[in-house]
Amino acid sequence: MTAQPFYSFRMTIVKELFRFPVKSTQGQSVDELQLDTRGVIGDRRWGLRDLTTGNILTGRRVPELLHAIGGDGMVTLPSGVTTRDAGELSAWLGRSVELASAADDQRRLRFKPGARNVSE
């Protein structure tokens, strides 16, 4: 008796697509996604930088971020206000922050200190 090769196939069904423009905030449901060499275009290309430490904030360390909704260069706060203003974002989080863009030559989750501040 000849051994038959074993093949296992699983069908994957995509029910929803999301992208997360601002690191550690809620994402956006989208109908389609575009990919480039860095992954999903527009995904985690922004982050909130702590101006004291220079670090990009994460939801693990600042859980309040998980209650905001990230957009392209904007954040919708839990109050419903949509902003990119450093003063409004800082007042919400109780620390000095700015919305920072990921450097074009960096992976989407790595941010360089001094990256462009969109509120300028």
N, C-alpha and C. Protein backbone atom coordinates (compact mmCIF):
# COMPACT_ATOMS: atom_id res chain seq x y z
N MET A 1 0.85 -1.17 0.00
CA MET A 1 0.00 0.00 0.00
C MET A 1 0.90 1.24 0.00
N THR A 2 0.59 2.17 -0.87
CA THR A 2 1.36 3.40 -0.98
C THR A 2 0.78 4.44 -0.04
N ALA A 3 1.65 5.10 0.69
CA ALA A 3 1.19 6.15 1.62
C ALA A 3 0.70 7.34 0.82
N GLN A 4 -0.41 7.87 1.22
CA GLN A 4 -0.99 9.05 0.57
C GLN A 4 -0.51 10.30 1.31
N PRO A 5 -0.16 11.34 0.56
CA PRO A 5 0.24 12.58 1.24
C PRO A 5 -0.93 13.15 2.03
N PHE A 6 -0.61 13.75 3.15
CA PHE A 6 -1.64 14.37 3.98
C PHE A 6 -1.65 15.87 3.74
N TYR A 7 -2.76 16.36 3.34
CA TYR A 7 -2.94 17.80 3.13
C TYR A 7 -4.08 18.26 4.01
N SER A 8 -3.88 19.37 4.64
CA SER A 8 -4.93 19.95 5.47
C SER A 8 -5.19 21.36 4.98
N PHE A 9 -6.40 21.64 4.64
CA PHE A 9 -6.78 22.98 4.18
C PHE A 9 -7.82 23.54 5.13
N ARG A 10 -7.65 24.80 5.45
CA ARG A 10 -8.65 25.50 6.25
C ARG A 10 -9.07 26.74 5.50
N MET A 11 -10.33 26.95 5.45
CA MET A 11 -10.83 28.16 4.81
C MET A 11 -10.84 29.27 5.86
N THR A 12 -10.30 30.39 5.50
CA THR A 12 -10.31 31.55 6.38
C THR A 12 -11.33 32.54 5.86
N ILE A 13 -12.17 33.01 6.74
CA ILE A 13 -13.18 33.99 6.38
C ILE A 13 -12.89 35.27 7.14
N VAL A 14 -12.71 36.35 6.40
CA VAL A 14 -12.47 37.65 7.02
C VAL A 14 -13.83 38.30 7.24
N LYS A 15 -14.15 38.59 8.49
CA LYS A 15 -15.44 39.20 8.81
C LYS A 15 -15.36 40.71 8.89
N GLU A 16 -14.23 41.24 9.37
CA GLU A 16 -14.05 42.68 9.49
C GLU A 16 -12.59 43.02 9.31
N LEU A 17 -12.36 44.22 8.82
CA LEU A 17 -11.01 44.75 8.68
C LEU A 17 -10.89 46.01 9.54
N PHE A 18 -9.78 46.13 10.22
CA PHE A 18 -9.52 47.30 11.05
C PHE A 18 -8.11 47.81 10.77
N ARG A 19 -7.94 49.09 10.95
CA ARG A 19 -6.60 49.66 11.00
C ARG A 19 -6.57 50.59 12.21
N PHE A 20 -5.39 50.78 12.73
CA PHE A 20 -5.20 51.53 13.95
C PHE A 20 -4.22 52.66 13.67
N PRO A 21 -4.70 53.82 13.18
CA PRO A 21 -3.81 54.90 12.77
C PRO A 21 -2.93 55.46 13.90
N VAL A 22 -3.47 55.52 15.12
CA VAL A 22 -2.71 56.08 16.25
C VAL A 22 -2.44 54.96 17.24
N LYS A 23 -1.19 54.73 17.51
CA LYS A 23 -0.77 53.64 18.40
C LYS A 23 -1.55 53.65 19.71
N SER A 24 -2.05 52.48 20.08
CA SER A 24 -2.73 52.21 21.36
C SER A 24 -4.11 52.84 21.49
N THR A 25 -4.67 53.37 20.40
CA THR A 25 -6.05 53.85 20.45
C THR A 25 -6.94 52.86 19.70
N GLN A 26 -8.25 53.03 19.84
CA GLN A 26 -9.17 52.17 19.13
C GLN A 26 -9.00 52.39 17.63
N GLY A 27 -9.29 51.36 16.87
CA GLY A 27 -9.10 51.42 15.43
C GLY A 27 -10.34 51.84 14.67
N GLN A 28 -10.19 51.80 13.36
CA GLN A 28 -11.26 52.15 12.44
C GLN A 28 -11.64 50.92 11.64
N SER A 29 -12.92 50.65 11.55
CA SER A 29 -13.40 49.60 10.68
C SER A 29 -13.36 50.11 9.25
N VAL A 30 -12.78 49.33 8.35
CA VAL A 30 -12.66 49.75 6.95
C VAL A 30 -13.16 48.63 6.03
N ASP A 31 -13.53 49.01 4.82
CA ASP A 31 -13.99 48.03 3.84
C ASP A 31 -12.85 47.33 3.13
N GLU A 32 -11.72 48.01 3.03
CA GLU A 32 -10.55 47.43 2.38
C GLU A 32 -9.29 48.02 2.98
N LEU A 33 -8.19 47.29 2.83
CA LEU A 33 -6.89 47.73 3.31
C LEU A 33 -5.88 47.66 2.17
N GLN A 34 -4.94 48.57 2.19
CA GLN A 34 -3.83 48.51 1.24
C GLN A 34 -2.56 48.22 2.03
N LEU A 35 -1.70 47.42 1.44
CA LEU A 35 -0.47 47.03 2.08
C LEU A 35 0.73 47.60 1.35
N ASP A 36 1.78 47.88 2.11
CA ASP A 36 3.07 48.21 1.52
C ASP A 36 4.11 47.37 2.26
N THR A 37 5.37 47.66 2.07
CA THR A 37 6.42 46.84 2.69
C THR A 37 6.42 46.95 4.21
N ARG A 38 5.76 47.97 4.77
CA ARG A 38 5.69 48.13 6.22
C ARG A 38 4.41 47.58 6.82
N GLY A 39 3.52 47.04 5.99
CA GLY A 39 2.28 46.49 6.49
C GLY A 39 1.09 47.27 5.98
N VAL A 40 0.07 47.39 6.80
CA VAL A 40 -1.15 48.10 6.42
C VAL A 40 -0.87 49.59 6.33
N ILE A 41 -1.18 50.17 5.18
CA ILE A 41 -0.96 51.61 4.98
C ILE A 41 -1.84 52.38 5.96
N GLY A 42 -1.23 53.28 6.70
CA GLY A 42 -1.95 54.10 7.67
C GLY A 42 -2.08 53.48 9.05
N ASP A 43 -1.57 52.29 9.24
CA ASP A 43 -1.68 51.59 10.52
C ASP A 43 -0.53 51.98 11.43
N ARG A 44 -0.85 52.49 12.60
CA ARG A 44 0.13 52.88 13.62
C ARG A 44 1.21 53.81 13.06
N ARG A 45 0.79 54.75 12.27
CA ARG A 45 1.73 55.72 11.70
C ARG A 45 1.79 56.99 12.54
N TRP A 46 1.00 57.02 13.62
CA TRP A 46 0.97 58.15 14.55
C TRP A 46 1.08 57.61 15.96
N GLY A 47 1.54 58.44 16.86
CA GLY A 47 1.60 58.07 18.26
C GLY A 47 1.61 59.33 19.11
N LEU A 48 1.28 59.18 20.36
CA LEU A 48 1.34 60.31 21.28
C LEU A 48 2.67 60.25 22.02
N ARG A 49 3.47 61.30 21.84
CA ARG A 49 4.80 61.37 22.44
C ARG A 49 4.72 62.16 23.74
N ASP A 50 5.26 61.57 24.81
CA ASP A 50 5.42 62.26 26.08
C ASP A 50 6.57 63.24 25.91
N LEU A 51 6.29 64.53 26.08
CA LEU A 51 7.31 65.55 25.84
C LEU A 51 8.38 65.59 26.93
N THR A 52 8.11 64.98 28.08
CA THR A 52 9.11 64.93 29.14
C THR A 52 10.14 63.84 28.87
N THR A 53 9.68 62.67 28.45
CA THR A 53 10.59 61.53 28.25
C THR A 53 10.99 61.35 26.79
N GLY A 54 10.17 61.87 25.86
CA GLY A 54 10.41 61.65 24.44
C GLY A 54 9.88 60.32 23.94
N ASN A 55 9.29 59.52 24.83
CA ASN A 55 8.79 58.20 24.46
C ASN A 55 7.38 58.28 23.89
N ILE A 56 7.08 57.38 22.97
CA ILE A 56 5.72 57.22 22.48
C ILE A 56 4.95 56.43 23.53
N LEU A 57 3.77 56.92 23.89
CA LEU A 57 2.97 56.28 24.92
C LEU A 57 2.34 54.99 24.41
N THR A 58 2.14 54.06 25.31
CA THR A 58 1.48 52.80 24.98
C THR A 58 0.28 52.60 25.89
N GLY A 59 -0.68 51.84 25.42
CA GLY A 59 -1.87 51.53 26.20
C GLY A 59 -1.56 50.76 27.46
N ARG A 60 -0.49 50.01 27.45
CA ARG A 60 -0.11 49.25 28.64
C ARG A 60 0.29 50.19 29.78
N ARG A 61 0.98 51.27 29.43
CA ARG A 61 1.44 52.22 30.46
C ARG A 61 0.45 53.36 30.69
N VAL A 62 -0.35 53.67 29.67
CA VAL A 62 -1.34 54.76 29.77
C VAL A 62 -2.67 54.23 29.26
N PRO A 63 -3.42 53.52 30.11
CA PRO A 63 -4.65 52.86 29.66
C PRO A 63 -5.72 53.81 29.12
N GLU A 64 -5.64 55.10 29.45
CA GLU A 64 -6.62 56.06 28.93
C GLU A 64 -6.61 56.09 27.41
N LEU A 65 -5.47 55.79 26.79
CA LEU A 65 -5.37 55.78 25.33
C LEU A 65 -6.37 54.81 24.70
N LEU A 66 -6.66 53.73 25.40
CA LEU A 66 -7.55 52.70 24.86
C LEU A 66 -8.99 53.18 24.72
N HIS A 67 -9.31 54.32 25.32
CA HIS A 67 -10.67 54.87 25.25
C HIS A 67 -10.82 55.91 24.15
N ALA A 68 -9.74 56.25 23.48
CA ALA A 68 -9.78 57.22 22.38
C ALA A 68 -9.81 56.48 21.05
N ILE A 69 -10.22 57.17 20.01
CA ILE A 69 -10.26 56.59 18.67
C ILE A 69 -9.26 57.35 17.80
N GLY A 70 -8.33 56.61 17.23
CA GLY A 70 -7.32 57.23 16.39
C GLY A 70 -7.80 57.41 14.96
N GLY A 71 -7.39 58.52 14.36
CA GLY A 71 -7.67 58.79 12.96
C GLY A 71 -6.38 59.20 12.27
N ASP A 72 -6.46 59.60 11.03
CA ASP A 72 -5.27 60.03 10.31
C ASP A 72 -4.82 61.40 10.81
N GLY A 73 -3.88 61.38 11.74
CA GLY A 73 -3.36 62.62 12.30
C GLY A 73 -4.32 63.30 13.25
N MET A 74 -5.28 62.57 13.78
CA MET A 74 -6.29 63.11 14.70
C MET A 74 -6.59 62.06 15.77
N VAL A 75 -7.12 62.52 16.88
CA VAL A 75 -7.57 61.63 17.95
C VAL A 75 -8.94 62.10 18.40
N THR A 76 -9.90 61.18 18.46
CA THR A 76 -11.21 61.49 19.04
C THR A 76 -11.18 61.05 20.49
N LEU A 77 -11.29 62.02 21.38
CA LEU A 77 -11.22 61.77 22.82
C LEU A 77 -12.51 61.14 23.30
N PRO A 78 -12.51 60.53 24.47
CA PRO A 78 -13.73 59.94 25.02
C PRO A 78 -14.89 60.93 25.14
N SER A 79 -14.59 62.22 25.23
CA SER A 79 -15.62 63.25 25.32
C SER A 79 -16.31 63.50 23.98
N GLY A 80 -15.73 62.95 22.89
CA GLY A 80 -16.28 63.16 21.55
C GLY A 80 -15.54 64.23 20.77
N VAL A 81 -14.65 64.97 21.41
CA VAL A 81 -13.87 66.01 20.74
C VAL A 81 -12.80 65.35 19.87
N THR A 82 -12.70 65.77 18.62
CA THR A 82 -11.65 65.29 17.72
C THR A 82 -10.61 66.38 17.59
N THR A 83 -9.35 66.02 17.87
CA THR A 83 -8.30 67.04 17.92
C THR A 83 -6.95 66.48 17.52
N ARG A 84 -6.06 67.38 17.19
CA ARG A 84 -4.64 67.09 17.04
C ARG A 84 -3.84 68.07 17.89
N ASP A 85 -4.55 68.95 18.59
CA ASP A 85 -3.94 70.00 19.38
C ASP A 85 -3.22 69.43 20.60
N ALA A 86 -1.93 69.77 20.71
CA ALA A 86 -1.13 69.27 21.82
C ALA A 86 -1.69 69.68 23.18
N GLY A 87 -2.23 70.90 23.28
CA GLY A 87 -2.80 71.36 24.54
C GLY A 87 -4.01 70.53 24.96
N GLU A 88 -4.90 70.25 24.02
CA GLU A 88 -6.09 69.44 24.35
C GLU A 88 -5.70 68.01 24.69
N LEU A 89 -4.76 67.45 23.93
CA LEU A 89 -4.32 66.08 24.22
C LEU A 89 -3.61 66.01 25.57
N SER A 90 -2.82 67.02 25.89
CA SER A 90 -2.11 67.07 27.17
C SER A 90 -3.08 67.21 28.34
N ALA A 91 -4.10 68.07 28.17
CA ALA A 91 -5.10 68.25 29.24
C ALA A 91 -5.84 66.94 29.49
N TRP A 92 -6.17 66.23 28.43
CA TRP A 92 -6.89 64.96 28.56
C TRP A 92 -6.05 63.93 29.33
N LEU A 93 -4.76 63.83 29.01
CA LEU A 93 -3.93 62.80 29.63
C LEU A 93 -3.24 63.25 30.91
N GLY A 94 -3.27 64.57 31.20
CA GLY A 94 -2.64 65.05 32.42
C GLY A 94 -1.12 65.04 32.35
N ARG A 95 -0.58 65.12 31.17
CA ARG A 95 0.87 65.19 30.95
C ARG A 95 1.11 65.87 29.62
N SER A 96 2.28 66.42 29.43
CA SER A 96 2.61 67.12 28.19
C SER A 96 2.88 66.11 27.08
N VAL A 97 2.04 66.14 26.04
CA VAL A 97 2.18 65.21 24.92
C VAL A 97 1.99 65.97 23.61
N GLU A 98 2.40 65.32 22.53
CA GLU A 98 2.11 65.81 21.19
C GLU A 98 1.80 64.61 20.31
N LEU A 99 1.04 64.84 19.27
CA LEU A 99 0.77 63.81 18.29
C LEU A 99 1.95 63.79 17.32
N ALA A 100 2.63 62.66 17.23
CA ALA A 100 3.85 62.56 16.43
C ALA A 100 3.65 61.57 15.29
N SER A 101 4.25 61.89 14.17
CA SER A 101 4.22 61.03 13.00
C SER A 101 5.41 60.08 13.02
N ALA A 102 5.18 58.84 12.64
CA ALA A 102 6.29 57.90 12.53
C ALA A 102 7.18 58.37 11.39
N ALA A 103 8.47 58.24 11.56
CA ALA A 103 9.40 58.64 10.50
C ALA A 103 9.20 57.74 9.29
N ASP A 104 9.25 58.31 8.11
CA ASP A 104 9.01 57.55 6.88
C ASP A 104 9.94 56.36 6.72
N ASP A 105 11.15 56.46 7.24
CA ASP A 105 12.11 55.38 7.05
C ASP A 105 12.12 54.40 8.23
N GLN A 106 11.19 54.51 9.13
CA GLN A 106 11.13 53.63 10.29
C GLN A 106 9.94 52.70 10.17
N ARG A 107 9.97 51.59 10.87
CA ARG A 107 8.80 50.71 10.93
C ARG A 107 7.70 51.45 11.66
N ARG A 108 6.48 51.05 11.45
CA ARG A 108 5.34 51.82 11.92
C ARG A 108 5.27 52.01 13.44
N LEU A 109 5.87 51.13 14.22
CA LEU A 109 5.79 51.26 15.67
C LEU A 109 7.00 51.94 16.28
N ARG A 110 7.97 52.30 15.48
CA ARG A 110 9.17 52.94 16.00
C ARG A 110 9.15 54.41 15.60
N PHE A 111 9.30 55.26 16.58
CA PHE A 111 9.24 56.69 16.35
C PHE A 111 10.56 57.32 16.74
N LYS A 112 11.02 58.25 15.95
CA LYS A 112 12.26 58.94 16.25
C LYS A 112 11.96 60.19 17.07
N PRO A 113 12.73 60.45 18.13
CA PRO A 113 12.56 61.73 18.83
C PRO A 113 12.75 62.87 17.83
N GLY A 114 11.92 63.89 17.95
CA GLY A 114 12.02 65.01 17.04
C GLY A 114 11.24 64.84 15.76
N ALA A 115 10.46 63.74 15.63
CA ALA A 115 9.64 63.55 14.44
C ALA A 115 8.65 64.69 14.34
N ARG A 116 8.11 64.91 13.18
CA ARG A 116 7.21 66.04 12.92
C ARG A 116 6.07 66.11 13.91
N ASN A 117 5.86 67.29 14.47
CA ASN A 117 4.75 67.54 15.38
C ASN A 117 3.62 68.12 14.54
N VAL A 118 2.48 67.44 14.48
CA VAL A 118 1.40 67.90 13.59
C VAL A 118 0.68 69.12 14.13
N SER A 119 0.91 69.50 15.37
CA SER A 119 0.21 70.68 15.88
C SER A 119 0.99 71.95 15.60
N GLU A 120 2.16 71.87 14.98
CA GLU A 120 2.94 73.06 14.65
C GLU A 120 2.32 73.80 13.49
